[in-house]
Each structure stands twice: as C-alpha cells, then as structure tokens.
PDB file of N, CA and C in Angstrom:
ATOM      1  N   UNK A   1      14.994  22.215 -17.932  1.00  0.00           N
ATOM      2  CA  UNK A   1      13.925  22.109 -17.041  1.00  0.00           C
ATOM      3  C   UNK A   1      12.789  21.751 -17.664  1.00  0.00           C
ATOM      4  N   UNK A   2      12.595  21.903 -18.631  1.00  0.00           N
ATOM      5  CA  UNK A   2      11.523  21.280 -19.454  1.00  0.00           C
ATOM      6  C   UNK A   2      11.493  19.752 -19.346  1.00  0.00           C
ATOM      7  N   UNK A   3      12.515  19.294 -19.213  1.00  0.00           N
ATOM      8  CA  UNK A   3      12.494  17.812 -19.099  1.00  0.00           C
ATOM      9  C   UNK A   3      12.354  17.207 -17.727  1.00  0.00           C
ATOM     10  N   UNK A   4      12.508  18.095 -16.826  1.00  0.00           N
ATOM     11  CA  UNK A   4      12.447  17.566 -15.257  1.00  0.00           C
ATOM     12  C   UNK A   4      10.879  18.154 -15.213  1.00  0.00           C
ATOM     13  N   UNK A   5      10.112  18.947 -15.769  1.00  0.00           N
ATOM     14  CA  UNK A   5       8.798  18.891 -15.698  1.00  0.00           C
ATOM     15  C   UNK A   5       8.047  17.857 -16.207  1.00  0.00           C
ATOM     16  N   UNK A   6       8.537  16.792 -17.450  1.00  0.00           N
ATOM     17  CA  UNK A   6       8.001  16.401 -18.115  1.00  0.00           C
ATOM     18  C   UNK A   6       8.097  14.909 -17.393  1.00  0.00           C
ATOM     19  N   UNK A   7       9.235  14.972 -16.849  1.00  0.00           N
ATOM     20  CA  UNK A   7       9.378  13.491 -15.781  1.00  0.00           C
ATOM     21  C   UNK A   7       8.729  13.400 -14.720  1.00  0.00           C
ATOM     22  N   UNK A   8       8.426  14.586 -14.125  1.00  0.00           N
ATOM     23  CA  UNK A   8       7.750  14.863 -12.998  1.00  0.00           C
ATOM     24  C   UNK A   8       6.360  14.892 -12.897  1.00  0.00           C
ATOM     25  N   UNK A   9       5.862  15.193 -14.209  1.00  0.00           N
ATOM     26  CA  UNK A   9       4.322  14.934 -14.561  1.00  0.00           C
ATOM     27  C   UNK A   9       4.196  13.688 -14.965  1.00  0.00           C
ATOM     28  N   UNK A  10       4.738  12.943 -15.802  1.00  0.00           N
ATOM     29  CA  UNK A  10       4.641  11.538 -16.148  1.00  0.00           C
ATOM     30  C   UNK A  10       4.706  10.476 -14.577  1.00  0.00           C
ATOM     31  N   UNK A  11       5.557  10.927 -13.844  1.00  0.00           N
ATOM     32  CA  UNK A  11       5.504  10.286 -12.544  1.00  0.00           C
ATOM     33  C   UNK A  11       4.615  10.191 -12.029  1.00  0.00           C
ATOM     34  N   UNK A  12       3.889  11.315 -11.502  1.00  0.00           N
ATOM     35  CA  UNK A  12       2.832  11.682 -10.901  1.00  0.00           C
ATOM     36  C   UNK A  12       1.245  10.582 -11.551  1.00  0.00           C
ATOM     37  N   UNK A  13       1.473  10.920 -13.041  1.00  0.00           N
ATOM     38  CA  UNK A  13       0.423  10.218 -13.602  1.00  0.00           C
ATOM     39  C   UNK A  13       0.472   8.665 -13.354  1.00  0.00           C
ATOM     40  N   UNK A  14       1.684   8.193 -13.228  1.00  0.00           N
ATOM     41  CA  UNK A  14       1.696   6.644 -13.209  1.00  0.00           C
ATOM     42  C   UNK A  14       1.332   6.515 -11.867  1.00  0.00           C
ATOM     43  N   UNK A  15       1.812   6.964 -10.888  1.00  0.00           N
ATOM     44  CA  UNK A  15       1.665   6.537  -9.400  1.00  0.00           C
ATOM     45  C   UNK A  15       0.098   6.808  -9.222  1.00  0.00           C
ATOM     46  N   UNK A  16      -0.445   7.627  -9.669  1.00  0.00           N
ATOM     47  CA  UNK A  16      -1.760   7.591  -9.474  1.00  0.00           C
ATOM     48  C   UNK A  16      -2.779   6.418 -10.050  1.00  0.00           C
ATOM     49  N   UNK A  17      -2.453   6.013 -11.285  1.00  0.00           N
ATOM     50  CA  UNK A  17      -2.640   5.153 -11.937  1.00  0.00           C
ATOM     51  C   UNK A  17      -2.363   4.018 -11.249  1.00  0.00           C
ATOM     52  N   UNK A  18      -1.521   3.753 -10.631  1.00  0.00           N
ATOM     53  CA  UNK A  18      -0.807   2.425  -9.961  1.00  0.00           C
ATOM     54  C   UNK A  18      -1.540   2.520  -8.764  1.00  0.00           C
ATOM     55  N   UNK A  19      -2.055   3.319  -8.229  1.00  0.00           N
ATOM     56  CA  UNK A  19      -2.804   3.455  -6.632  1.00  0.00           C
ATOM     57  C   UNK A  19      -4.109   2.841  -6.756  1.00  0.00           C
ATOM     58  N   UNK A  20      -4.767   3.040  -8.088  1.00  0.00           N
ATOM     59  CA  UNK A  20      -6.082   2.619  -8.408  1.00  0.00           C
ATOM     60  C   UNK A  20      -6.081   1.279  -8.180  1.00  0.00           C
ATOM     61  N   UNK A  21      -5.906   0.580  -7.020  1.00  0.00           N
ATOM     62  CA  UNK A  21      -6.277  -1.071  -6.955  1.00  0.00           C
ATOM     63  C   UNK A  21      -7.547  -1.445  -6.272  1.00  0.00           C
ATOM     64  N   UNK A  22      -8.270  -0.488  -5.788  1.00  0.00           N
ATOM     65  CA  UNK A  22      -9.585  -0.736  -4.882  1.00  0.00           C
ATOM     66  C   UNK A  22     -10.544  -1.676  -5.706  1.00  0.00           C
ATOM     67  N   UNK A  23     -10.614  -2.908  -5.219  1.00  0.00           N
ATOM     68  CA  UNK A  23     -11.327  -4.004  -5.765  1.00  0.00           C
ATOM     69  C   UNK A  23     -13.012  -3.975  -4.979  1.00  0.00           C
ATOM     70  N   UNK A  24     -14.056  -3.794  -5.759  1.00  0.00           N
ATOM     71  CA  UNK A  24     -15.373  -4.024  -5.061  1.00  0.00           C
ATOM     72  C   UNK A  24     -15.336  -5.608  -4.901  1.00  0.00           C
ATOM     73  N   UNK A  25     -15.911  -5.695  -3.686  1.00  0.00           N
ATOM     74  CA  UNK A  25     -16.416  -7.354  -3.734  1.00  0.00           C
ATOM     75  C   UNK A  25     -14.993  -8.161  -3.673  1.00  0.00           C
ATOM     76  N   UNK A  26     -14.371  -8.157  -3.006  1.00  0.00           N
ATOM     77  CA  UNK A  26     -13.230  -9.260  -3.423  1.00  0.00           C
ATOM     78  C   UNK A  26     -13.772 -10.628  -2.891  1.00  0.00           C
ATOM     79  N   UNK A  27     -13.045 -11.494  -3.785  1.00  0.00           N
ATOM     80  CA  UNK A  27     -13.831 -12.927  -3.025  1.00  0.00           C
ATOM     81  C   UNK A  27     -13.639 -13.288  -1.769  1.00  0.00           C
ATOM     82  N   UNK A  28     -14.664 -13.699  -1.451  1.00  0.00           N
ATOM     83  CA  UNK A  28     -15.070 -13.877   0.251  1.00  0.00           C
ATOM     84  C   UNK A  28     -15.509 -13.030   1.255  1.00  0.00           C
ATOM     85  N   UNK A  29     -15.978 -11.846   0.283  1.00  0.00           N
ATOM     86  CA  UNK A  29     -16.757 -10.795   0.982  1.00  0.00           C
ATOM     87  C   UNK A  29     -18.148 -11.215   1.437  1.00  0.00           C
ATOM     88  N   UNK A  30     -18.575 -10.801   2.388  1.00  0.00           N
ATOM     89  CA  UNK A  30     -19.812 -11.267   2.795  1.00  0.00           C
ATOM     90  C   UNK A  30     -20.681 -10.027   3.428  1.00  0.00           C
ATOM     91  N   UNK A  31     -21.982  -9.973   3.141  1.00  0.00           N
ATOM     92  CA  UNK A  31     -22.958  -8.768   3.232  1.00  0.00           C
ATOM     93  C   UNK A  31     -24.255  -9.661   4.251  1.00  0.00           C
ATOM     94  N   UNK A  32     -24.422  -9.276   4.929  1.00  0.00           N
ATOM     95  CA  UNK A  32     -25.810  -9.468   5.880  1.00  0.00           C
ATOM     96  C   UNK A  32     -26.653  -8.441   5.825  1.00  0.00           C
ATOM     97  N   UNK A  33     -28.046  -8.708   5.546  1.00  0.00           N
ATOM     98  CA  UNK A  33     -29.084  -7.854   5.742  1.00  0.00           C
ATOM     99  C   UNK A  33     -29.953  -8.278   6.318  1.00  0.00           C
ATOM    100  N   UNK A  34     -30.973  -7.500   6.939  1.00  0.00           N
ATOM    101  CA  UNK A  34     -32.006  -7.611   7.710  1.00  0.00           C
ATOM    102  C   UNK A  34     -33.134  -6.823   7.187  1.00  0.00           C
ATOM    103  N   UNK A  35     -34.366  -7.451   6.888  1.00  0.00           N
ATOM    104  CA  UNK A  35     -35.444  -6.855   6.517  1.00  0.00           C
ATOM    105  C   UNK A  35     -36.765  -7.005   7.378  1.00  0.00           C
ATOM    106  N   UNK A  36     -37.087  -5.809   7.462  1.00  0.00           N
ATOM    107  CA  UNK A  36     -38.057  -5.468   8.642  1.00  0.00           C
ATOM    108  C   UNK A  36     -39.506  -5.244   8.143  1.00  0.00           C
ATOM    109  N   UNK A  37     -40.535  -5.567   8.591  1.00  0.00           N
ATOM    110  CA  UNK A  37     -41.921  -5.567   8.275  1.00  0.00           C
ATOM    111  C   UNK A  37     -42.590  -4.898   9.548  1.00  0.00           C
ATOM    112  N   UNK A  38     -43.839  -4.300   9.070  1.00  0.00           N
ATOM    113  CA  UNK A  38     -44.679  -3.747  10.344  1.00  0.00           C
ATOM    114  C   UNK A  38     -45.624  -4.557  10.834  1.00  0.00           C
ATOM    115  N   UNK A  39     -45.778  -5.665   9.866  1.00  0.00           N
ATOM    116  CA  UNK A  39     -46.768  -6.888   9.823  1.00  0.00           C
ATOM    117  C   UNK A  39     -46.116  -8.184  10.138  1.00  0.00           C
ATOM    118  N   UNK A  40     -47.087  -9.052  10.623  1.00  0.00           N
ATOM    119  CA  UNK A  40     -46.314 -10.258  11.061  1.00  0.00           C
ATOM    120  C   UNK A  40     -46.419 -11.146   9.200  1.00  0.00           C
ATOM    121  N   UNK A  41     -45.250 -11.756   9.336  1.00  0.00           N
ATOM    122  CA  UNK A  41     -45.017 -12.723   8.208  1.00  0.00           C
ATOM    123  C   UNK A  41     -44.188 -13.794   7.961  1.00  0.00           C
ATOM    124  N   UNK A  42     -44.499 -14.661   7.479  1.00  0.00           N
ATOM    125  CA  UNK A  42     -43.521 -15.985   7.387  1.00  0.00           C
ATOM    126  C   UNK A  42     -42.406 -15.708   6.320  1.00  0.00           C
ATOM    127  N   UNK A  43     -42.474 -14.475   5.892  1.00  0.00           N
ATOM    128  CA  UNK A  43     -41.022 -14.482   4.845  1.00  0.00           C
ATOM    129  C   UNK A  43     -39.717 -14.312   5.527  1.00  0.00           C
ATOM    130  N   UNK A  44     -38.744 -14.879   4.938  1.00  0.00           N
ATOM    131  CA  UNK A  44     -37.461 -14.554   5.636  1.00  0.00           C
ATOM    132  C   UNK A  44     -37.363 -13.389   5.966  1.00  0.00           C
ATOM    133  N   UNK A  45     -36.487 -12.941   6.820  1.00  0.00           N
ATOM    134  CA  UNK A  45     -36.065 -11.575   7.296  1.00  0.00           C
ATOM    135  C   UNK A  45     -34.522 -11.472   7.376  1.00  0.00           C
ATOM    136  N   UNK A  46     -33.953 -12.656   7.426  1.00  0.00           N
ATOM    137  CA  UNK A  46     -32.566 -12.160   7.006  1.00  0.00           C
ATOM    138  C   UNK A  46     -31.840 -12.822   6.109  1.00  0.00           C
ATOM    139  N   UNK A  47     -30.722 -12.263   5.664  1.00  0.00           N
ATOM    140  CA  UNK A  47     -30.417 -12.592   4.137  1.00  0.00           C
ATOM    141  C   UNK A  47     -28.679 -12.448   4.364  1.00  0.00           C
ATOM    142  N   UNK A  48     -28.065 -13.379   3.488  1.00  0.00           N
ATOM    143  CA  UNK A  48     -26.333 -13.031   3.425  1.00  0.00           C
ATOM    144  C   UNK A  48     -26.251 -13.049   1.797  1.00  0.00           C
ATOM    145  N   UNK A  49     -25.161 -12.322   1.350  1.00  0.00           N
ATOM    146  CA  UNK A  49     -24.715 -12.485   0.244  1.00  0.00           C
ATOM    147  C   UNK A  49     -23.196 -12.836  -0.088  1.00  0.00           C
ATOM    148  N   UNK A  50     -22.768 -13.771  -0.374  1.00  0.00           N
ATOM    149  CA  UNK A  50     -21.425 -13.991  -0.254  1.00  0.00           C
ATOM    150  C   UNK A  50     -20.676 -13.819  -1.807  1.00  0.00           C
ATOM    151  N   UNK A  51     -19.665 -13.475  -1.829  1.00  0.00           N
ATOM    152  CA  UNK A  51     -18.935 -13.120  -3.363  1.00  0.00           C
ATOM    153  C   UNK A  51     -18.025 -14.730  -3.277  1.00  0.00           C
ATOM    154  N   UNK A  52     -18.496 -15.331  -4.377  1.00  0.00           N
ATOM    155  CA  UNK A  52     -17.783 -17.051  -4.375  1.00  0.00           C
ATOM    156  C   UNK A  52     -16.772 -17.089  -5.112  1.00  0.00           C
ATOM    157  N   UNK A  53     -16.545 -16.156  -6.803  1.00  0.00           N
ATOM    158  CA  UNK A  53     -15.712 -16.580  -7.633  1.00  0.00           C
ATOM    159  C   UNK A  53     -15.488 -15.483  -8.638  1.00  0.00           C
ATOM    160  N   UNK A  54     -14.669 -15.227  -9.501  1.00  0.00           N
ATOM    161  CA  UNK A  54     -14.618 -14.644 -10.508  1.00  0.00           C
ATOM    162  C   UNK A  54     -15.145 -15.321 -11.774  1.00  0.00           C
ATOM    163  N   UNK A  55     -15.548 -14.468 -12.685  1.00  0.00           N
ATOM    164  CA  UNK A  55     -16.410 -15.030 -13.766  1.00  0.00           C
ATOM    165  C   UNK A  55     -16.212 -14.422 -14.810  1.00  0.00           C
ATOM    166  N   UNK A  56     -16.900 -14.344 -15.757  1.00  0.00           N
ATOM    167  CA  UNK A  56     -16.756 -13.256 -17.289  1.00  0.00           C
ATOM    168  C   UNK A  56     -18.125 -13.316 -18.042  1.00  0.00           C
ATOM    169  N   UNK A  57     -18.585 -12.227 -18.435  1.00  0.00           N
ATOM    170  CA  UNK A  57     -19.998 -12.168 -19.040  1.00  0.00           C
ATOM    171  C   UNK A  57     -19.746 -11.068 -20.126  1.00  0.00           C
ATOM    172  N   UNK A  58     -19.862 -11.512 -21.455  1.00  0.00           N
ATOM    173  CA  UNK A  58     -19.885 -10.549 -22.718  1.00  0.00           C
ATOM    174  C   UNK A  58     -18.459 -10.052 -22.449  1.00  0.00           C
ATOM    175  N   UNK A  59     -17.357 -10.679 -22.476  1.00  0.00           N
ATOM    176  CA  UNK A  59     -15.975  -9.918 -22.279  1.00  0.00           C
ATOM    177  C   UNK A  59     -15.934  -9.184 -21.581  1.00  0.00           C
ATOM    178  N   UNK A  60     -16.705  -9.294 -20.170  1.00  0.00           N
ATOM    179  CA  UNK A  60     -16.603  -8.167 -19.049  1.00  0.00           C
ATOM    180  C   UNK A  60     -16.329  -9.198 -17.807  1.00  0.00           C
ATOM    181  N   UNK A  61     -15.072  -8.709 -17.038  1.00  0.00           N
ATOM    182  CA  UNK A  61     -14.932  -9.584 -15.831  1.00  0.00           C
ATOM    183  C   UNK A  61     -15.947  -9.381 -14.638  1.00  0.00           C
ATOM    184  N   UNK A  62     -16.461 -10.289 -14.189  1.00  0.00           N
ATOM    185  CA  UNK A  62     -17.582 -10.180 -13.112  1.00  0.00           C
ATOM    186  C   UNK A  62     -17.427 -10.966 -11.796  1.00  0.00           C
ATOM    187  N   UNK A  63     -18.042 -10.957 -10.620  1.00  0.00           N
ATOM    188  CA  UNK A  63     -17.930 -11.534  -9.421  1.00  0.00           C
ATOM    189  C   UNK A  63     -18.951 -12.316  -9.348  1.00  0.00           C
ATOM    190  N   UNK A  64     -19.395 -13.578  -9.077  1.00  0.00           N
ATOM    191  CA  UNK A  64     -20.527 -14.578  -8.729  1.00  0.00           C
ATOM    192  C   UNK A  64     -20.824 -14.427  -7.403  1.00  0.00           C
ATOM    193  N   UNK A  65     -21.890 -13.862  -6.953  1.00  0.00           N
ATOM    194  CA  UNK A  65     -22.679 -13.430  -5.747  1.00  0.00           C
ATOM    195  C   UNK A  65     -23.687 -14.443  -5.488  1.00  0.00           C
ATOM    196  N   UNK A  66     -23.605 -15.094  -4.400  1.00  0.00           N
ATOM    197  CA  UNK A  66     -24.717 -16.413  -3.781  1.00  0.00           C
ATOM    198  C   UNK A  66     -25.890 -15.856  -2.761  1.00  0.00           C
ATOM    199  N   UNK A  67     -26.711 -15.900  -3.139  1.00  0.00           N
ATOM    200  CA  UNK A  67     -27.734 -15.376  -2.180  1.00  0.00           C
ATOM    201  C   UNK A  67     -28.326 -16.582  -1.144  1.00  0.00           C
ATOM    202  N   UNK A  68     -28.371 -16.228   0.038  1.00  0.00           N
ATOM    203  CA  UNK A  68     -28.766 -17.206   1.148  1.00  0.00           C
ATOM    204  C   UNK A  68     -30.009 -16.267   1.971  1.00  0.00           C
ATOM    205  N   UNK A  69     -30.806 -17.340   2.456  1.00  0.00           N
ATOM    206  CA  UNK A  69     -31.702 -16.809   3.424  1.00  0.00           C
ATOM    207  C   UNK A  69     -31.529 -17.627   4.619  1.00  0.00           C
ATOM    208  N   UNK A  70     -31.939 -17.063   5.846  1.00  0.00           N
ATOM    209  CA  UNK A  70     -31.772 -17.699   6.925  1.00  0.00           C
ATOM    210  C   UNK A  70     -33.339 -18.104   7.638  1.00  0.00           C
ATOM    211  N   UNK A  71     -33.558 -19.486   7.514  1.00  0.00           N
ATOM    212  CA  UNK A  71     -34.721 -20.271   7.979  1.00  0.00           C
ATOM    213  C   UNK A  71     -34.249 -21.470   8.562  1.00  0.00           C
ATOM    214  N   UNK A  72     -35.133 -21.570   9.616  1.00  0.00           N
ATOM    215  CA  UNK A  72     -35.036 -22.833  10.713  1.00  0.00           C
ATOM    216  C   UNK A  72     -33.763 -23.032  10.944  1.00  0.00           C
ATOM    217  N   UNK A  73     -33.238 -21.962  11.284  1.00  0.00           N
ATOM    218  CA  UNK A  73     -31.868 -21.479  12.038  1.00  0.00           C
ATOM    219  C   UNK A  73     -30.711 -21.824  11.372  1.00  0.00           C
ATOM    220  N   UNK A  74     -30.876 -21.937  10.359  1.00  0.00           N
ATOM    221  CA  UNK A  74     -29.626 -22.065   9.418  1.00  0.00           C
ATOM    222  C   UNK A  74     -29.721 -21.295   7.736  1.00  0.00           C
ATOM    223  N   UNK A  75     -28.594 -20.897   7.282  1.00  0.00           N
ATOM    224  CA  UNK A  75     -28.616 -20.549   5.969  1.00  0.00           C
ATOM    225  C   UNK A  75     -28.993 -21.591   4.745  1.00  0.00           C
ATOM    226  N   UNK A  76     -29.807 -21.062   3.971  1.00  0.00           N
ATOM    227  CA  UNK A  76     -30.265 -21.658   2.747  1.00  0.00           C
ATOM    228  C   UNK A  76     -29.874 -20.926   1.481  1.00  0.00           C
ATOM    229  N   UNK A  77     -29.124 -21.844   0.318  1.00  0.00           N
ATOM    230  CA  UNK A  77     -28.953 -21.035  -0.731  1.00  0.00           C
ATOM    231  C   UNK A  77     -29.896 -20.717  -1.669  1.00  0.00           C
ATOM    232  N   UNK A  78     -30.321 -19.536  -2.188  1.00  0.00           N
ATOM    233  CA  UNK A  78     -31.419 -19.301  -3.075  1.00  0.00           C
ATOM    234  C   UNK A  78     -31.085 -19.590  -4.530  1.00  0.00           C
ATOM    235  N   UNK A  79     -31.811 -20.497  -5.321  1.00  0.00           N
ATOM    236  CA  UNK A  79     -31.334 -20.811  -6.730  1.00  0.00           C
ATOM    237  C   UNK A  79     -32.361 -19.870  -7.470  1.00  0.00           C
ATOM    238  N   UNK A  80     -31.439 -18.526  -8.001  1.00  0.00           N
ATOM    239  CA  UNK A  80     -32.279 -18.088  -9.160  1.00  0.00           C
ATOM    240  C   UNK A  80     -31.669 -17.665 -10.188  1.00  0.00           C
TER     241      UNK A  80
END
C-alpha cells in the first residue's frame, strides 16, 4: 500500500511539473498599444512591440523585444 501511495504521489508531482510549459512572449508575439491625451500633441500615439528572438543576459535566458511607433502611415523601429 505504501508503494502505491509513493508511486501515485511522484506521478502527480511529475505531471504537474511537466504541464508547466507556459511561455510568456513567444517569438513572433505582437502587442499593439494606443496612447491617448486630452491635448493636441505631435507625439506618436500608436505603438507596436514585437518579440524578435531569444537571447541571454547574465546567464539568464531572455527575449529581445523591438519597439515601433506609427508615423507617416507606417511603423518605424525605435532604437533605444
């Protein structure tokens, strides 16, 4: 009986860990953002964020996000 309990317990723990495959910001993901102001401004008001590729920083895996603004009827990448 004890062996069945241990096998069931470890099977549940393994399955819970195996199902944790949620990836935030998969490559190719796109977010659009509108900015709104109460006053007239020449500042861009439509933005796009795109996940471009995998990278690493200080031995941590990360994603490279690009930032675009909408001006003159097209998106332009912002270098920052």
